[in-house]
Amino acid sequence: MSATPSASNSPTHTTPVGRRTSGKTSQIPPERKEAITALVSKVFTRLEAIFPRTFSSAFPTVDMLKLSRREVAQELARWPMLPTNQTIERALSEIKRTGNTWPPTIPELIAKLQPSAEDAGMPNSADAWREAVNHAHHPAEHCWRHEAVRLAGQAVGWWELTHTTAQSTWPRLERRFEKHYAALVNRVLAGEELQAQGLIGHEGSETRGAKAERASREAAQQQAEAAGMPHRMNPEQGMRSLRAALGGR
């Protein structure tokens, strides 16, 4: 007769804050643990006030409420940065604006509490994109709001940001920037400090083929400017300038 696994030796049993399911203890400083406990208590107290009629139905027993609070606390304990008061207020405001009459699920609540770029002192994606476009001509001379903005602009390409004339191309460049910037934001929120050398040597990080391609584009631009062609042209302007350069043929 085989023994039935107990909760104490099961590899998937529920564990309190500060412990992993593998059985290893993850030490949390007492002050951080207190901060997490206070944060979770505050959030659930506010949810009870927002949903007075359905809160008790969503969490029908004391044990269910404890388990739910513990799930949120365990997730917050994994985050390098805890939600700020601003983040909490924003999350609760978004929850109220949904018009739902029931409290959010635990996964929904955790997603709402996730810190944003602004919480880490970074501009939002739209502001970062505008800054990158506005200062792409002289990136080395600009004092960037955050290193991540310059890194994302560099990843898209300063040449592309200063020489693209086709309006249909700009949405694609913006999407590329947003993708790179979002990845950098996630790295910062995960506790990583972006190193300054990542900002240095855009040329040094290029492949030989990329350097040759960029040099060719810059040489062509210089030849065009020497021929009196404007810095930015639409296709019709380009054809007129080309015909003039060829003697009207």
Protein backbone atom coordinates (compact mmCIF):
# COMPACT_ATOMS: atom_id res chain seq x y z
CA MET A 1 0.00 0.00 0.00
CA SER A 2 1.59 3.25 -1.17
CA ALA A 3 1.66 6.27 1.03
CA THR A 4 -0.36 9.27 -0.03
CA PRO A 5 1.84 12.35 -0.59
CA SER A 6 1.27 14.96 2.07
CA ALA A 7 1.27 18.73 1.60
CA SER A 8 4.64 18.89 3.35
CA ASN A 9 6.51 16.76 0.80
CA SER A 10 4.62 17.56 -2.38
CA PRO A 11 6.79 19.53 -4.87
CA THR A 12 3.80 21.66 -5.89
CA HIS A 13 2.30 22.52 -2.53
CA THR A 14 1.34 26.09 -1.74
CA THR A 15 4.04 27.92 0.16
CA PRO A 16 4.08 31.11 2.21
CA VAL A 17 5.73 34.32 1.09
CA GLY A 18 9.51 33.98 1.02
CA ARG A 19 9.54 30.33 -0.03
CA ARG A 20 9.84 28.73 -3.44
CA THR A 21 7.94 25.65 -4.53
CA SER A 22 11.23 23.78 -4.75
CA GLY A 23 11.46 23.90 -0.99
CA LYS A 24 14.34 26.42 -0.89
CA THR A 25 13.87 29.47 1.25
CA SER A 26 14.18 32.83 -0.44
CA GLN A 27 15.19 35.27 2.25
CA ILE A 28 13.29 38.55 2.17
CA PRO A 29 14.50 41.45 4.31
CA PRO A 30 12.01 42.15 7.13
CA GLU A 31 11.40 45.72 5.99
CA ARG A 32 10.58 44.55 2.45
CA LYS A 33 8.27 41.85 3.78
CA GLU A 34 6.49 44.46 5.90
CA ALA A 35 6.15 46.74 2.89
CA ILE A 36 4.63 43.95 0.81
CA THR A 37 2.21 42.99 3.57
CA ALA A 38 1.09 46.61 4.00
CA LEU A 39 0.72 47.07 0.26
CA VAL A 40 -1.40 43.94 -0.18
CA SER A 41 -3.55 44.89 2.83
CA LYS A 42 -4.12 48.35 1.38
CA VAL A 43 -5.09 47.02 -2.04
CA PHE A 44 -7.59 44.48 -0.70
CA THR A 45 -9.11 46.99 1.71
CA ARG A 46 -9.67 49.36 -1.20
CA LEU A 47 -11.15 46.58 -3.31
CA GLU A 48 -13.61 45.77 -0.54
CA ALA A 49 -14.67 49.42 -0.49
CA ILE A 50 -15.01 49.54 -4.28
CA PHE A 51 -17.02 46.30 -4.48
CA PRO A 52 -19.04 46.21 -1.21
CA ARG A 53 -21.73 43.86 -2.54
CA THR A 54 -19.61 41.31 -4.38
CA PHE A 55 -16.32 41.28 -2.46
CA SER A 56 -17.56 38.73 0.10
CA SER A 57 -18.88 36.54 -2.72
CA ALA A 58 -15.56 36.66 -4.56
CA PHE A 59 -13.74 35.74 -1.32
CA PRO A 60 -16.40 33.73 0.58
CA THR A 61 -14.18 32.47 3.41
CA VAL A 62 -11.37 33.83 5.52
CA ASP A 63 -9.08 31.11 4.16
CA MET A 64 -9.90 32.03 0.56
CA LEU A 65 -9.12 35.69 1.26
CA LYS A 66 -5.82 34.73 2.94
CA LEU A 67 -4.85 32.53 0.01
CA SER A 68 -5.65 35.29 -2.47
CA ARG A 69 -3.66 37.88 -0.54
CA ARG A 70 -0.76 35.46 -0.26
CA GLU A 71 -0.76 34.83 -4.04
CA VAL A 72 -0.44 38.56 -4.67
CA ALA A 73 2.26 38.92 -2.01
CA GLN A 74 4.27 36.05 -3.45
CA GLU A 75 4.24 37.65 -6.89
CA LEU A 76 5.22 41.07 -5.55
CA ALA A 77 8.11 39.48 -3.66
CA ARG A 78 9.62 38.45 -7.01
CA TRP A 79 9.63 42.01 -8.34
CA PRO A 80 12.76 44.13 -7.85
CA MET A 81 10.55 47.21 -7.68
CA LEU A 82 7.34 47.31 -5.64
CA PRO A 83 4.36 49.29 -6.96
CA THR A 84 4.42 52.91 -5.87
CA ASN A 85 1.39 54.69 -4.41
CA GLN A 86 0.94 56.27 -7.83
CA THR A 87 0.90 52.83 -9.45
CA ILE A 88 -1.65 51.54 -6.94
CA GLU A 89 -3.94 54.53 -7.44
CA ARG A 90 -3.67 54.18 -11.20
CA ALA A 91 -4.48 50.47 -11.00
CA LEU A 92 -7.52 51.02 -8.79
CA SER A 93 -8.72 53.84 -11.02
CA GLU A 94 -8.48 51.59 -14.07
CA ILE A 95 -10.38 48.86 -12.23
CA LYS A 96 -13.18 51.28 -11.36
CA ARG A 97 -13.40 52.60 -14.92
CA THR A 98 -14.03 49.12 -16.32
CA GLY A 99 -17.54 49.24 -14.89
CA ASN A 100 -17.30 45.67 -13.62
CA THR A 101 -19.32 44.89 -10.51
CA TRP A 102 -16.98 42.11 -9.38
CA PRO A 103 -13.40 42.41 -8.09
CA PRO A 104 -10.66 41.54 -10.58
CA THR A 105 -9.15 38.07 -10.61
CA ILE A 106 -5.73 37.65 -9.02
CA PRO A 107 -3.92 37.55 -12.42
CA GLU A 108 -5.81 40.69 -13.50
CA LEU A 109 -4.94 42.48 -10.28
CA ILE A 110 -1.25 41.56 -10.55
CA ALA A 111 -1.15 42.83 -14.13
CA LYS A 112 -2.66 46.15 -13.02
CA LEU A 113 -0.10 46.54 -10.24
CA GLN A 114 2.87 45.98 -12.56
CA PRO A 115 5.16 49.05 -12.36
CA SER A 116 5.42 51.15 -15.52
CA ALA A 117 8.26 53.06 -17.14
CA GLU A 118 7.24 56.24 -15.33
CA ASP A 119 7.57 54.48 -11.97
CA ALA A 120 11.25 53.89 -12.78
CA GLY A 121 11.82 57.52 -13.75
CA MET A 122 11.59 56.78 -17.48
CA PRO A 123 9.41 58.55 -20.06
CA ASN A 124 6.48 56.66 -21.51
CA SER A 125 6.89 55.15 -24.96
CA ALA A 126 5.25 58.03 -26.84
CA ASP A 127 7.40 60.68 -25.14
CA ALA A 128 10.52 58.58 -25.61
CA TRP A 129 9.79 58.22 -29.34
CA ARG A 130 9.34 61.97 -29.76
CA GLU A 131 12.59 62.64 -27.93
CA ALA A 132 14.49 60.16 -30.10
CA VAL A 133 13.13 61.65 -33.33
CA ASN A 134 13.71 65.25 -32.25
CA HIS A 135 17.35 64.65 -31.30
CA ALA A 136 18.39 61.98 -33.79
CA HIS A 137 20.56 64.45 -35.76
CA HIS A 138 22.95 65.00 -32.84
CA PRO A 139 22.42 62.15 -30.34
CA ALA A 140 25.85 62.58 -28.75
CA GLU A 141 25.14 66.20 -27.85
CA HIS A 142 21.71 65.68 -26.29
CA CYS A 143 21.13 65.13 -22.57
CA TRP A 144 18.74 62.19 -22.68
CA ARG A 145 15.97 61.78 -20.11
CA HIS A 146 17.03 58.16 -19.72
CA GLU A 147 19.71 56.00 -21.30
CA ALA A 148 17.03 53.63 -22.55
CA VAL A 149 15.69 56.30 -24.92
CA ARG A 150 19.05 56.70 -26.61
CA LEU A 151 19.64 52.95 -26.72
CA ALA A 152 16.26 52.38 -28.38
CA GLY A 153 16.89 55.17 -30.89
CA GLN A 154 20.34 53.78 -31.61
CA ALA A 155 18.83 50.31 -32.17
CA VAL A 156 16.42 51.72 -34.76
CA GLY A 157 19.24 53.69 -36.39
CA TRP A 158 20.04 57.40 -36.29
CA TRP A 159 20.47 57.46 -40.06
CA GLU A 160 17.00 56.05 -40.60
CA LEU A 161 15.50 58.53 -38.15
CA THR A 162 17.10 61.50 -39.90
CA HIS A 163 16.91 60.44 -43.57
CA THR A 164 13.59 58.64 -43.92
CA THR A 165 11.26 60.62 -46.18
CA ALA A 166 8.48 58.14 -46.94
CA GLN A 167 5.56 58.77 -44.60
CA SER A 168 4.52 55.12 -44.86
CA THR A 169 7.85 54.09 -43.30
CA TRP A 170 7.46 56.09 -40.08
CA PRO A 171 4.88 53.79 -38.45
CA ARG A 172 7.23 50.86 -38.99
CA LEU A 173 10.15 52.75 -37.44
CA GLU A 174 7.98 53.74 -34.48
CA ARG A 175 6.93 50.13 -33.93
CA ARG A 176 10.58 49.06 -33.99
CA PHE A 177 11.41 51.76 -31.46
CA GLU A 178 8.53 50.74 -29.18
CA LYS A 179 9.69 47.11 -29.28
CA HIS A 180 13.27 48.00 -28.35
CA TYR A 181 12.18 50.51 -25.72
CA ALA A 182 9.73 48.07 -24.10
CA ALA A 183 12.51 45.50 -23.79
CA LEU A 184 14.77 48.09 -22.16
CA VAL A 185 12.02 49.15 -19.76
CA ASN A 186 11.54 45.53 -18.72
CA ARG A 187 15.27 45.20 -18.06
CA VAL A 188 15.26 48.31 -15.88
CA LEU A 189 12.17 47.15 -13.99
CA ALA A 190 13.90 43.80 -13.45
CA GLY A 191 16.65 45.64 -11.59
CA GLU A 192 19.25 45.90 -14.35
CA GLU A 193 21.27 49.09 -14.62
CA LEU A 194 21.86 49.97 -18.26
CA GLN A 195 25.60 50.32 -18.77
CA ALA A 196 27.07 53.42 -20.34
CA GLN A 197 29.16 51.41 -22.79
CA GLY A 198 25.92 50.44 -24.46
CA LEU A 199 25.65 54.04 -25.58
CA ILE A 200 29.19 54.25 -26.87
CA GLY A 201 30.44 53.13 -30.20
CA HIS A 202 27.44 52.68 -32.39
CA GLU A 203 30.01 52.23 -35.13
CA GLY A 204 32.02 49.83 -33.00
CA SER A 205 29.03 47.55 -32.57
CA GLU A 206 28.26 47.49 -36.31
CA THR A 207 29.27 44.65 -38.57
CA ARG A 208 31.61 45.34 -41.48
CA GLY A 209 28.70 45.08 -43.91
CA ALA A 210 26.59 47.52 -41.89
CA LYS A 211 29.46 50.01 -41.79
CA ALA A 212 29.90 49.78 -45.56
CA GLU A 213 26.18 50.23 -46.16
CA ARG A 214 26.01 53.27 -43.87
CA ALA A 215 29.10 54.82 -45.46
CA SER A 216 27.57 54.31 -48.90
CA ARG A 217 24.33 56.01 -47.84
CA GLU A 218 26.18 58.94 -46.28
CA ALA A 219 28.37 59.35 -49.39
CA ALA A 220 25.27 59.37 -51.60
CA GLN A 221 23.67 61.99 -49.35
CA GLN A 222 26.78 64.15 -49.52
CA GLN A 223 26.83 63.89 -53.33
CA ALA A 224 23.17 64.84 -53.47
CA GLU A 225 23.75 67.86 -51.23
CA ALA A 226 26.77 68.89 -53.33
CA ALA A 227 24.53 68.77 -56.41
CA GLY A 228 22.14 71.16 -54.72
CA MET A 229 19.46 68.63 -53.89
CA PRO A 230 17.46 69.32 -50.72
CA HIS A 231 18.07 67.29 -47.56
CA ARG A 232 14.59 65.74 -47.76
CA MET A 233 12.69 65.20 -51.02
CA ASN A 234 9.52 63.52 -52.11
CA PRO A 235 9.67 61.30 -55.24
CA GLU A 236 8.55 64.11 -57.57
CA GLN A 237 11.22 66.48 -56.23
CA GLY A 238 13.80 63.76 -56.61
CA MET A 239 12.96 63.17 -60.28
CA ARG A 240 13.12 66.90 -61.04
CA SER A 241 16.51 67.20 -59.34
CA LEU A 242 17.81 64.14 -61.16
CA ARG A 243 16.69 65.48 -64.55
CA ALA A 244 18.35 68.81 -63.79
CA ALA A 245 21.58 67.07 -62.86
CA LEU A 246 21.45 65.14 -66.15
CA GLY A 247 21.03 68.30 -68.18
CA GLY A 248 17.29 68.12 -68.64
CA ARG A 249 17.19 64.65 -70.23
